[in-house]
Structure formats: structure tokens, C-alpha cells
Amino acid sequence: MAADSSTVAGIAGRYATALFDLARDSGQIDAVGADLGRIQGAIDSSADLRRLIISPVFDRNQQGRAMAAVLGALGVGQTVRNLAGLVARNRRLFALSAIIRGYGELVARHRGEVTASVVSAQPLGAAQTEALAQALARAVGPNVRIETRVDPQLLGGLIVRVGSRQVDSSLRTKLANLSVAMKGVG
């Protein structure tokens, strides 16, 4: 049975859904997820790898050989190697990060988890993350997975997004709102 891909759409959604179905049927959901996490970490930390993935200058054979070497160095399993090979052959490596995100969304839905995207001005400490997890569990339910990202331009505070709901308590937004309010006074 194919996974419901209502929130995972487009090219990346089709690949992510197929990968999820394959991983679920073979009992490798966690192993595939770990492999994809290693790949995303490599993409995030390497400008050269990002260039390889998005540049049309490299042909499909060059991209395929380079990705095979990278995945071998990362110790990625055969299922994910096959996916990356297929994506490279089809000239879709530019969608790899979106495929990884889509797979994560499908795994979360499969497990009944809700993902909260949290953007902060500085990295959150363990105590702050735990307090946030408890607050989110009270607000949306016990199965909350928190994904954090740092954006120094926020100046302070947090932006928390769960599904289509967003709470923006960032200092940047508060200052922007104050500026708009002050323009209306004069």
C-alpha cells in the first residue's frame, strides 16, 4: 500500500514515498533514515557536494560516480545507494534534500509524530529544549519531534511552527511590529 503523500508532493514526494514504502516493507525505516541523515549532514557541511548536486555542468555519469564515492565514504546502505543512483541517472539530484525531508515527514506520520520546527537566534541548550518539548507536548500531544535551526537575524526569541500554525515571538518581529505601530502614531 502506498503511503499517503498529501503533504509530500512533486518530484521529491514521489521518490520519498517510493523509498519509504520500500524501507517499511523491508523493515529498514530507521536504517534508511540514519543513512539519509548522514547524507544531509554531508550536504550541509560541503559546498563542493552542494555544487555537484545542483550544477547542470556535471553530466549524469559524473554525478552518479561522485555520489557513489561519497555514499561509500559515508557508509550508506544499499537501499539508499540505489535511490541516489536512480536520482542521479534521472538528473534529479537537485531534489535530494527535498527527498530526505519528505522521507522524514512520511516516517513521522507513520509513527504518529508531530514535527515542530523551531528557529532561534542562538542554539538552544538541553534545558531549554526540554522545556520547549514539554510545552509543545501539552499544546499538541505527546509525540512531538523538534527540529531546530539557528537564525542570528532573529536577535532573540523563537519562531515555532507546528503544521500550519506558527507562533513568532522573535525580537525581530516585535521590533518590526513596534515600528509599524509608531508610524501610525504620528
N, C-alpha and C. Protein backbone atom coordinates (compact mmCIF):
# COMPACT_ATOMS: atom_id res chain seq x y z
N MET A 1 0.84 -1.18 0.00
CA MET A 1 0.00 0.00 0.00
C MET A 1 0.88 1.23 0.00
N ALA A 2 0.66 2.15 -0.90
CA ALA A 2 1.47 3.36 -0.99
C ALA A 2 1.14 4.28 0.17
N ALA A 3 2.18 4.99 0.64
CA ALA A 3 1.99 5.94 1.73
C ALA A 3 1.16 7.12 1.25
N ASP A 4 0.38 7.70 2.14
CA ASP A 4 -0.39 8.90 1.81
C ASP A 4 0.60 10.03 1.64
N SER A 5 0.69 10.59 0.45
CA SER A 5 1.68 11.62 0.18
C SER A 5 1.04 12.99 0.02
N SER A 6 -0.04 13.26 0.74
CA SER A 6 -0.74 14.51 0.58
C SER A 6 0.12 15.71 0.95
N THR A 7 1.05 15.57 1.89
CA THR A 7 1.91 16.69 2.23
C THR A 7 3.29 16.56 1.62
N VAL A 8 3.59 15.45 1.00
CA VAL A 8 4.87 15.24 0.35
C VAL A 8 4.57 15.14 -1.14
N ALA A 9 4.84 16.23 -1.87
CA ALA A 9 4.38 16.31 -3.25
C ALA A 9 5.53 16.53 -4.21
N GLY A 10 5.21 16.48 -5.48
CA GLY A 10 6.16 16.78 -6.53
C GLY A 10 7.16 15.66 -6.75
N ILE A 11 8.22 16.01 -7.44
CA ILE A 11 9.27 15.04 -7.76
C ILE A 11 9.80 14.41 -6.48
N ALA A 12 10.16 15.25 -5.52
CA ALA A 12 10.74 14.75 -4.27
C ALA A 12 9.74 13.84 -3.55
N GLY A 13 8.47 14.20 -3.59
CA GLY A 13 7.46 13.39 -2.93
C GLY A 13 7.34 11.99 -3.51
N ARG A 14 7.44 11.90 -4.81
CA ARG A 14 7.35 10.58 -5.45
C ARG A 14 8.52 9.70 -5.05
N TYR A 15 9.73 10.25 -5.07
CA TYR A 15 10.90 9.48 -4.66
C TYR A 15 10.84 9.13 -3.17
N ALA A 16 10.46 10.11 -2.35
CA ALA A 16 10.39 9.88 -0.90
C ALA A 16 9.36 8.81 -0.57
N THR A 17 8.21 8.86 -1.23
CA THR A 17 7.16 7.88 -0.99
C THR A 17 7.61 6.49 -1.39
N ALA A 18 8.25 6.39 -2.56
CA ALA A 18 8.74 5.08 -3.00
C ALA A 18 9.80 4.54 -2.04
N LEU A 19 10.71 5.41 -1.59
CA LEU A 19 11.74 4.98 -0.65
C LEU A 19 11.12 4.56 0.68
N PHE A 20 10.16 5.33 1.15
CA PHE A 20 9.50 4.99 2.41
C PHE A 20 8.80 3.64 2.30
N ASP A 21 8.06 3.43 1.22
CA ASP A 21 7.36 2.16 1.04
C ASP A 21 8.35 0.99 1.03
N LEU A 22 9.45 1.17 0.33
CA LEU A 22 10.48 0.12 0.26
C LEU A 22 11.09 -0.13 1.64
N ALA A 23 11.42 0.95 2.36
CA ALA A 23 12.01 0.81 3.69
C ALA A 23 11.03 0.17 4.67
N ARG A 24 9.78 0.57 4.62
CA ARG A 24 8.77 0.00 5.51
C ARG A 24 8.59 -1.49 5.23
N ASP A 25 8.47 -1.84 3.96
CA ASP A 25 8.24 -3.24 3.60
C ASP A 25 9.43 -4.13 3.93
N SER A 26 10.63 -3.57 3.96
CA SER A 26 11.82 -4.37 4.28
C SER A 26 12.26 -4.20 5.73
N GLY A 27 11.49 -3.43 6.52
CA GLY A 27 11.83 -3.25 7.93
C GLY A 27 13.07 -2.40 8.17
N GLN A 28 13.34 -1.47 7.26
CA GLN A 28 14.56 -0.66 7.35
C GLN A 28 14.27 0.83 7.54
N ILE A 29 13.14 1.19 8.11
CA ILE A 29 12.78 2.60 8.24
C ILE A 29 13.87 3.38 8.97
N ASP A 30 14.32 2.88 10.11
CA ASP A 30 15.32 3.60 10.89
C ASP A 30 16.69 3.61 10.21
N ALA A 31 17.09 2.50 9.61
CA ALA A 31 18.39 2.43 8.93
C ALA A 31 18.43 3.39 7.75
N VAL A 32 17.37 3.42 6.96
CA VAL A 32 17.31 4.33 5.82
C VAL A 32 17.31 5.78 6.32
N GLY A 33 16.56 6.05 7.38
CA GLY A 33 16.54 7.39 7.96
C GLY A 33 17.91 7.84 8.43
N ALA A 34 18.65 6.94 9.06
CA ALA A 34 20.00 7.27 9.52
C ALA A 34 20.92 7.54 8.33
N ASP A 35 20.80 6.73 7.28
CA ASP A 35 21.61 6.96 6.08
C ASP A 35 21.30 8.32 5.46
N LEU A 36 20.02 8.64 5.36
CA LEU A 36 19.62 9.92 4.79
C LEU A 36 20.11 11.08 5.65
N GLY A 37 20.10 10.90 6.97
CA GLY A 37 20.62 11.93 7.87
C GLY A 37 22.10 12.18 7.64
N ARG A 38 22.86 11.11 7.42
CA ARG A 38 24.30 11.28 7.12
C ARG A 38 24.50 12.03 5.81
N ILE A 39 23.69 11.71 4.82
CA ILE A 39 23.80 12.39 3.54
C ILE A 39 23.48 13.87 3.69
N GLN A 40 22.39 14.18 4.40
CA GLN A 40 22.01 15.59 4.59
C GLN A 40 23.10 16.33 5.36
N GLY A 41 23.69 15.68 6.34
CA GLY A 41 24.80 16.30 7.07
C GLY A 41 25.97 16.62 6.15
N ALA A 42 26.26 15.70 5.24
CA ALA A 42 27.35 15.93 4.28
C ALA A 42 27.01 17.08 3.33
N ILE A 43 25.76 17.13 2.89
CA ILE A 43 25.33 18.21 2.01
C ILE A 43 25.44 19.55 2.73
N ASP A 44 24.98 19.58 3.98
CA ASP A 44 25.02 20.83 4.76
C ASP A 44 26.44 21.31 5.02
N SER A 45 27.38 20.39 5.13
CA SER A 45 28.74 20.78 5.50
C SER A 45 29.70 20.92 4.33
N SER A 46 29.28 20.59 3.12
CA SER A 46 30.20 20.61 1.99
C SER A 46 29.65 21.44 0.83
N ALA A 47 30.29 22.56 0.57
CA ALA A 47 29.91 23.40 -0.57
C ALA A 47 30.15 22.66 -1.88
N ASP A 48 31.21 21.85 -1.94
CA ASP A 48 31.51 21.09 -3.16
C ASP A 48 30.41 20.08 -3.46
N LEU A 49 29.91 19.41 -2.43
CA LEU A 49 28.84 18.43 -2.63
C LEU A 49 27.56 19.14 -3.07
N ARG A 50 27.25 20.28 -2.46
CA ARG A 50 26.07 21.05 -2.88
C ARG A 50 26.21 21.47 -4.34
N ARG A 51 27.39 21.90 -4.74
CA ARG A 51 27.64 22.30 -6.12
C ARG A 51 27.43 21.11 -7.07
N LEU A 52 27.94 19.95 -6.69
CA LEU A 52 27.78 18.75 -7.51
C LEU A 52 26.30 18.43 -7.71
N ILE A 53 25.53 18.57 -6.65
CA ILE A 53 24.11 18.20 -6.68
C ILE A 53 23.29 19.15 -7.53
N ILE A 54 23.59 20.43 -7.47
CA ILE A 54 22.72 21.39 -8.17
C ILE A 54 23.24 21.85 -9.52
N SER A 55 24.50 21.63 -9.82
CA SER A 55 25.08 22.16 -11.04
C SER A 55 24.70 21.33 -12.27
N PRO A 56 24.21 22.00 -13.32
CA PRO A 56 23.92 21.29 -14.56
C PRO A 56 25.18 21.00 -15.39
N VAL A 57 26.31 21.51 -14.93
CA VAL A 57 27.57 21.31 -15.65
C VAL A 57 28.00 19.84 -15.62
N PHE A 58 27.71 19.15 -14.52
CA PHE A 58 28.09 17.74 -14.39
C PHE A 58 27.04 16.88 -15.07
N ASP A 59 27.49 15.92 -15.88
CA ASP A 59 26.52 15.04 -16.51
C ASP A 59 26.11 13.94 -15.53
N ARG A 60 25.13 13.16 -15.92
CA ARG A 60 24.57 12.14 -15.03
C ARG A 60 25.60 11.11 -14.61
N ASN A 61 26.53 10.77 -15.50
CA ASN A 61 27.56 9.79 -15.15
C ASN A 61 28.54 10.35 -14.11
N GLN A 62 28.93 11.60 -14.29
CA GLN A 62 29.82 12.23 -13.31
C GLN A 62 29.13 12.34 -11.95
N GLN A 63 27.89 12.77 -11.96
CA GLN A 63 27.15 12.88 -10.70
C GLN A 63 26.99 11.52 -10.04
N GLY A 64 26.67 10.51 -10.83
CA GLY A 64 26.48 9.17 -10.30
C GLY A 64 27.75 8.62 -9.68
N ARG A 65 28.88 8.77 -10.37
CA ARG A 65 30.16 8.27 -9.83
C ARG A 65 30.56 9.03 -8.57
N ALA A 66 30.40 10.35 -8.60
CA ALA A 66 30.76 11.15 -7.42
C ALA A 66 29.88 10.80 -6.23
N MET A 67 28.57 10.66 -6.46
CA MET A 67 27.67 10.30 -5.35
C MET A 67 27.98 8.92 -4.82
N ALA A 68 28.32 7.98 -5.71
CA ALA A 68 28.67 6.63 -5.25
C ALA A 68 29.89 6.68 -4.35
N ALA A 69 30.87 7.50 -4.70
CA ALA A 69 32.07 7.64 -3.87
C ALA A 69 31.73 8.27 -2.52
N VAL A 70 30.92 9.32 -2.53
CA VAL A 70 30.53 9.99 -1.29
C VAL A 70 29.75 9.03 -0.39
N LEU A 71 28.80 8.32 -0.96
CA LEU A 71 27.97 7.41 -0.17
C LEU A 71 28.80 6.25 0.37
N GLY A 72 29.77 5.80 -0.40
CA GLY A 72 30.67 4.76 0.09
C GLY A 72 31.48 5.24 1.28
N ALA A 73 31.98 6.48 1.19
CA ALA A 73 32.75 7.05 2.30
C ALA A 73 31.88 7.25 3.54
N LEU A 74 30.60 7.53 3.34
CA LEU A 74 29.68 7.74 4.46
C LEU A 74 29.17 6.42 5.05
N GLY A 75 29.41 5.31 4.36
CA GLY A 75 28.94 4.02 4.84
C GLY A 75 27.45 3.83 4.70
N VAL A 76 26.88 4.38 3.65
CA VAL A 76 25.44 4.33 3.42
C VAL A 76 25.05 2.95 2.89
N GLY A 77 23.90 2.45 3.32
CA GLY A 77 23.41 1.14 2.93
C GLY A 77 22.96 1.08 1.48
N GLN A 78 22.74 -0.13 1.01
CA GLN A 78 22.43 -0.38 -0.41
C GLN A 78 21.12 0.25 -0.85
N THR A 79 20.12 0.27 0.00
CA THR A 79 18.82 0.83 -0.39
C THR A 79 18.97 2.30 -0.76
N VAL A 80 19.67 3.05 0.08
CA VAL A 80 19.84 4.48 -0.19
C VAL A 80 20.83 4.70 -1.34
N ARG A 81 21.82 3.83 -1.48
CA ARG A 81 22.73 3.92 -2.63
C ARG A 81 21.95 3.75 -3.93
N ASN A 82 21.03 2.78 -3.94
CA ASN A 82 20.21 2.56 -5.13
C ASN A 82 19.36 3.78 -5.44
N LEU A 83 18.77 4.38 -4.41
CA LEU A 83 17.97 5.58 -4.61
C LEU A 83 18.83 6.69 -5.21
N ALA A 84 20.00 6.94 -4.61
CA ALA A 84 20.87 8.01 -5.10
C ALA A 84 21.31 7.75 -6.53
N GLY A 85 21.59 6.49 -6.86
CA GLY A 85 21.96 6.15 -8.23
C GLY A 85 20.83 6.44 -9.21
N LEU A 86 19.61 6.07 -8.82
CA LEU A 86 18.45 6.32 -9.66
C LEU A 86 18.22 7.82 -9.84
N VAL A 87 18.31 8.56 -8.74
CA VAL A 87 18.10 10.00 -8.78
C VAL A 87 19.16 10.66 -9.68
N ALA A 88 20.40 10.21 -9.58
CA ALA A 88 21.48 10.76 -10.42
C ALA A 88 21.23 10.41 -11.89
N ARG A 89 20.86 9.17 -12.18
CA ARG A 89 20.59 8.77 -13.57
C ARG A 89 19.46 9.57 -14.18
N ASN A 90 18.47 9.92 -13.36
CA ASN A 90 17.32 10.68 -13.84
C ASN A 90 17.53 12.19 -13.78
N ARG A 91 18.76 12.62 -13.45
CA ARG A 91 19.12 14.05 -13.37
C ARG A 91 18.24 14.80 -12.37
N ARG A 92 18.02 14.18 -11.20
CA ARG A 92 17.17 14.77 -10.17
C ARG A 92 17.91 14.98 -8.85
N LEU A 93 19.24 14.98 -8.88
CA LEU A 93 19.99 15.16 -7.63
C LEU A 93 19.67 16.49 -6.96
N PHE A 94 19.26 17.48 -7.73
CA PHE A 94 18.90 18.77 -7.14
C PHE A 94 17.78 18.63 -6.12
N ALA A 95 17.00 17.56 -6.20
CA ALA A 95 15.86 17.34 -5.29
C ALA A 95 16.22 16.47 -4.10
N LEU A 96 17.50 16.12 -3.93
CA LEU A 96 17.88 15.17 -2.89
C LEU A 96 17.52 15.64 -1.48
N SER A 97 17.79 16.89 -1.15
CA SER A 97 17.43 17.39 0.19
C SER A 97 15.92 17.37 0.41
N ALA A 98 15.16 17.69 -0.63
CA ALA A 98 13.71 17.64 -0.51
C ALA A 98 13.22 16.20 -0.36
N ILE A 99 13.87 15.27 -1.02
CA ILE A 99 13.53 13.85 -0.86
C ILE A 99 13.77 13.42 0.58
N ILE A 100 14.89 13.85 1.13
CA ILE A 100 15.23 13.50 2.52
C ILE A 100 14.20 14.08 3.48
N ARG A 101 13.82 15.35 3.28
CA ARG A 101 12.79 15.96 4.13
C ARG A 101 11.46 15.23 3.99
N GLY A 102 11.10 14.89 2.76
CA GLY A 102 9.85 14.17 2.51
C GLY A 102 9.83 12.82 3.20
N TYR A 103 10.95 12.11 3.15
CA TYR A 103 11.05 10.82 3.82
C TYR A 103 10.84 11.01 5.33
N GLY A 104 11.46 12.03 5.90
CA GLY A 104 11.28 12.31 7.32
C GLY A 104 9.84 12.59 7.68
N GLU A 105 9.14 13.33 6.82
CA GLU A 105 7.72 13.61 7.05
C GLU A 105 6.89 12.33 7.02
N LEU A 106 7.19 11.46 6.08
CA LEU A 106 6.45 10.21 5.98
C LEU A 106 6.70 9.30 7.18
N VAL A 107 7.94 9.27 7.66
CA VAL A 107 8.26 8.47 8.84
C VAL A 107 7.52 9.03 10.05
N ALA A 108 7.53 10.35 10.20
CA ALA A 108 6.84 10.97 11.33
C ALA A 108 5.35 10.65 11.29
N ARG A 109 4.74 10.76 10.13
CA ARG A 109 3.31 10.46 10.00
C ARG A 109 3.05 8.99 10.32
N HIS A 110 3.92 8.11 9.86
CA HIS A 110 3.80 6.67 10.11
C HIS A 110 3.82 6.38 11.61
N ARG A 111 4.63 7.12 12.34
CA ARG A 111 4.77 6.91 13.78
C ARG A 111 3.80 7.73 14.60
N GLY A 112 2.99 8.54 13.96
CA GLY A 112 2.04 9.38 14.68
C GLY A 112 2.70 10.57 15.35
N GLU A 113 3.84 10.98 14.85
CA GLU A 113 4.56 12.12 15.42
C GLU A 113 4.14 13.42 14.76
N VAL A 114 4.25 14.48 15.52
CA VAL A 114 4.06 15.82 15.00
C VAL A 114 5.42 16.49 15.04
N THR A 115 5.78 17.16 13.96
CA THR A 115 7.07 17.83 13.91
C THR A 115 6.89 19.31 14.18
N ALA A 116 7.69 19.81 15.11
CA ALA A 116 7.71 21.23 15.42
C ALA A 116 9.03 21.79 14.91
N SER A 117 8.93 22.78 14.04
CA SER A 117 10.11 23.45 13.51
C SER A 117 10.36 24.68 14.37
N VAL A 118 11.54 24.72 14.99
CA VAL A 118 11.86 25.81 15.92
C VAL A 118 13.09 26.56 15.40
N VAL A 119 12.92 27.86 15.22
CA VAL A 119 14.03 28.71 14.79
C VAL A 119 14.35 29.63 15.97
N SER A 120 15.63 29.67 16.33
CA SER A 120 16.06 30.51 17.45
C SER A 120 17.24 31.35 17.02
N ALA A 121 17.50 32.41 17.78
CA ALA A 121 18.62 33.31 17.47
C ALA A 121 19.95 32.66 17.83
N GLN A 122 19.94 31.81 18.84
CA GLN A 122 21.14 31.10 19.29
C GLN A 122 20.77 29.64 19.52
N PRO A 123 21.76 28.74 19.48
CA PRO A 123 21.44 27.33 19.74
C PRO A 123 20.78 27.16 21.12
N LEU A 124 19.77 26.30 21.16
CA LEU A 124 19.08 26.03 22.42
C LEU A 124 19.88 25.05 23.26
N GLY A 125 19.92 25.29 24.55
CA GLY A 125 20.57 24.37 25.47
C GLY A 125 19.66 23.19 25.77
N ALA A 126 20.19 22.20 26.46
CA ALA A 126 19.42 21.00 26.78
C ALA A 126 18.20 21.33 27.63
N ALA A 127 18.36 22.20 28.62
CA ALA A 127 17.25 22.57 29.49
C ALA A 127 16.17 23.33 28.71
N GLN A 128 16.60 24.21 27.82
CA GLN A 128 15.64 24.97 27.02
C GLN A 128 14.88 24.04 26.07
N THR A 129 15.59 23.12 25.46
CA THR A 129 14.95 22.17 24.54
C THR A 129 13.95 21.30 25.28
N GLU A 130 14.31 20.85 26.48
CA GLU A 130 13.41 20.02 27.29
C GLU A 130 12.16 20.80 27.69
N ALA A 131 12.33 22.06 28.11
CA ALA A 131 11.19 22.89 28.50
C ALA A 131 10.28 23.14 27.29
N LEU A 132 10.87 23.36 26.13
CA LEU A 132 10.10 23.56 24.92
C LEU A 132 9.34 22.29 24.55
N ALA A 133 10.01 21.14 24.66
CA ALA A 133 9.37 19.86 24.36
C ALA A 133 8.17 19.62 25.27
N GLN A 134 8.30 19.93 26.55
CA GLN A 134 7.19 19.76 27.49
C GLN A 134 6.03 20.69 27.15
N ALA A 135 6.35 21.94 26.82
CA ALA A 135 5.29 22.90 26.47
C ALA A 135 4.57 22.47 25.20
N LEU A 136 5.32 22.01 24.21
CA LEU A 136 4.71 21.55 22.97
C LEU A 136 3.89 20.29 23.18
N ALA A 137 4.35 19.40 24.05
CA ALA A 137 3.60 18.18 24.34
C ALA A 137 2.26 18.52 24.97
N ARG A 138 2.24 19.52 25.85
CA ARG A 138 0.97 19.95 26.45
C ARG A 138 0.05 20.57 25.40
N ALA A 139 0.63 21.29 24.43
CA ALA A 139 -0.17 22.01 23.45
C ALA A 139 -0.68 21.13 22.31
N VAL A 140 0.16 20.21 21.81
CA VAL A 140 -0.22 19.46 20.62
C VAL A 140 -0.25 17.95 20.80
N GLY A 141 0.21 17.44 21.92
CA GLY A 141 0.21 16.00 22.15
C GLY A 141 1.60 15.49 22.46
N PRO A 142 1.66 14.24 22.93
CA PRO A 142 2.92 13.71 23.45
C PRO A 142 3.98 13.36 22.41
N ASN A 143 3.57 13.10 21.17
CA ASN A 143 4.54 12.67 20.15
C ASN A 143 5.02 13.85 19.32
N VAL A 144 5.82 14.71 19.93
CA VAL A 144 6.34 15.89 19.25
C VAL A 144 7.83 15.70 19.01
N ARG A 145 8.22 15.86 17.75
CA ARG A 145 9.63 15.82 17.39
C ARG A 145 10.03 17.24 17.06
N ILE A 146 11.12 17.70 17.66
CA ILE A 146 11.56 19.08 17.48
C ILE A 146 12.74 19.14 16.53
N GLU A 147 12.61 19.96 15.49
CA GLU A 147 13.72 20.25 14.58
C GLU A 147 14.12 21.69 14.82
N THR A 148 15.38 21.90 15.17
CA THR A 148 15.83 23.25 15.48
C THR A 148 16.74 23.79 14.37
N ARG A 149 16.71 25.10 14.25
CA ARG A 149 17.56 25.80 13.30
C ARG A 149 17.91 27.14 13.93
N VAL A 150 19.09 27.63 13.65
CA VAL A 150 19.55 28.90 14.21
C VAL A 150 19.53 29.97 13.12
N ASP A 151 18.93 31.13 13.44
CA ASP A 151 18.92 32.28 12.56
C ASP A 151 19.29 33.51 13.39
N PRO A 152 20.56 33.92 13.35
CA PRO A 152 21.00 35.05 14.18
C PRO A 152 20.25 36.35 13.90
N GLN A 153 19.62 36.47 12.75
CA GLN A 153 18.88 37.69 12.42
C GLN A 153 17.61 37.87 13.26
N LEU A 154 17.21 36.83 14.00
CA LEU A 154 16.04 36.95 14.88
C LEU A 154 16.32 37.86 16.06
N LEU A 155 17.58 38.02 16.42
CA LEU A 155 18.04 38.82 17.55
C LEU A 155 17.76 38.16 18.89
N GLY A 156 16.62 37.56 19.06
CA GLY A 156 16.23 36.88 20.29
C GLY A 156 14.86 36.26 20.10
N GLY A 157 14.44 35.42 21.03
CA GLY A 157 13.13 34.77 20.95
C GLY A 157 13.13 33.56 20.04
N LEU A 158 11.92 33.10 19.71
CA LEU A 158 11.74 31.88 18.92
C LEU A 158 10.65 32.06 17.89
N ILE A 159 10.74 31.26 16.84
CA ILE A 159 9.63 31.06 15.92
C ILE A 159 9.36 29.57 15.95
N VAL A 160 8.14 29.18 16.33
CA VAL A 160 7.77 27.78 16.42
C VAL A 160 6.65 27.52 15.43
N ARG A 161 6.85 26.54 14.57
CA ARG A 161 5.84 26.17 13.58
C ARG A 161 5.49 24.71 13.76
N VAL A 162 4.20 24.43 13.94
CA VAL A 162 3.68 23.07 14.02
C VAL A 162 2.56 22.99 12.99
N GLY A 163 2.80 22.23 11.93
CA GLY A 163 1.82 22.16 10.86
C GLY A 163 1.63 23.53 10.24
N SER A 164 0.40 23.98 10.15
CA SER A 164 0.12 25.29 9.56
C SER A 164 0.08 26.40 10.60
N ARG A 165 0.27 26.05 11.87
CA ARG A 165 0.27 27.05 12.93
C ARG A 165 1.67 27.54 13.23
N GLN A 166 1.80 28.84 13.46
CA GLN A 166 3.10 29.42 13.75
C GLN A 166 2.96 30.43 14.88
N VAL A 167 3.91 30.38 15.81
CA VAL A 167 4.00 31.36 16.88
C VAL A 167 5.34 32.06 16.72
N ASP A 168 5.31 33.36 16.49
CA ASP A 168 6.53 34.13 16.27
C ASP A 168 6.73 35.08 17.44
N SER A 169 7.63 34.71 18.34
CA SER A 169 7.94 35.58 19.48
C SER A 169 9.35 36.13 19.35
N SER A 170 9.82 36.27 18.11
CA SER A 170 11.19 36.75 17.89
C SER A 170 11.26 38.26 18.13
N LEU A 171 12.39 38.69 18.58
CA LEU A 171 12.62 40.11 18.82
C LEU A 171 12.54 40.89 17.52
N ARG A 172 13.02 40.31 16.43
CA ARG A 172 12.96 40.97 15.12
C ARG A 172 11.52 41.30 14.75
N THR A 173 10.59 40.37 14.93
CA THR A 173 9.19 40.61 14.60
C THR A 173 8.57 41.64 15.54
N LYS A 174 8.91 41.54 16.82
CA LYS A 174 8.37 42.51 17.78
C LYS A 174 8.83 43.92 17.45
N LEU A 175 10.09 44.08 17.05
CA LEU A 175 10.59 45.39 16.66
C LEU A 175 9.92 45.89 15.38
N ALA A 176 9.69 45.00 14.43
CA ALA A 176 9.00 45.38 13.19
C ALA A 176 7.58 45.83 13.49
N ASN A 177 6.88 45.12 14.38
CA ASN A 177 5.53 45.49 14.76
C ASN A 177 5.52 46.83 15.48
N LEU A 178 6.48 47.07 16.33
CA LEU A 178 6.59 48.34 17.04
C LEU A 178 6.84 49.47 16.05
N SER A 179 7.67 49.24 15.06
CA SER A 179 7.96 50.25 14.05
C SER A 179 6.71 50.62 13.28
N VAL A 180 5.90 49.63 12.91
CA VAL A 180 4.65 49.88 12.20
C VAL A 180 3.69 50.67 13.10
N ALA A 181 3.62 50.29 14.36
CA ALA A 181 2.73 50.98 15.30
C ALA A 181 3.17 52.43 15.50
N MET A 182 4.47 52.65 15.56
CA MET A 182 4.98 54.02 15.78
C MET A 182 4.70 54.90 14.55
N LYS A 183 4.71 54.33 13.35
CA LYS A 183 4.41 55.11 12.15
C LYS A 183 2.96 55.55 12.16
N GLY A 184 2.10 54.76 12.76
CA GLY A 184 0.69 55.12 12.81
C GLY A 184 0.38 56.19 13.83
N VAL A 185 1.27 56.45 14.80
CA VAL A 185 1.03 57.43 15.86
C VAL A 185 1.15 58.86 15.34
N GLY A 186 2.13 59.10 14.48
CA GLY A 186 2.46 60.47 14.02
C GLY A 186 1.51 60.94 13.04
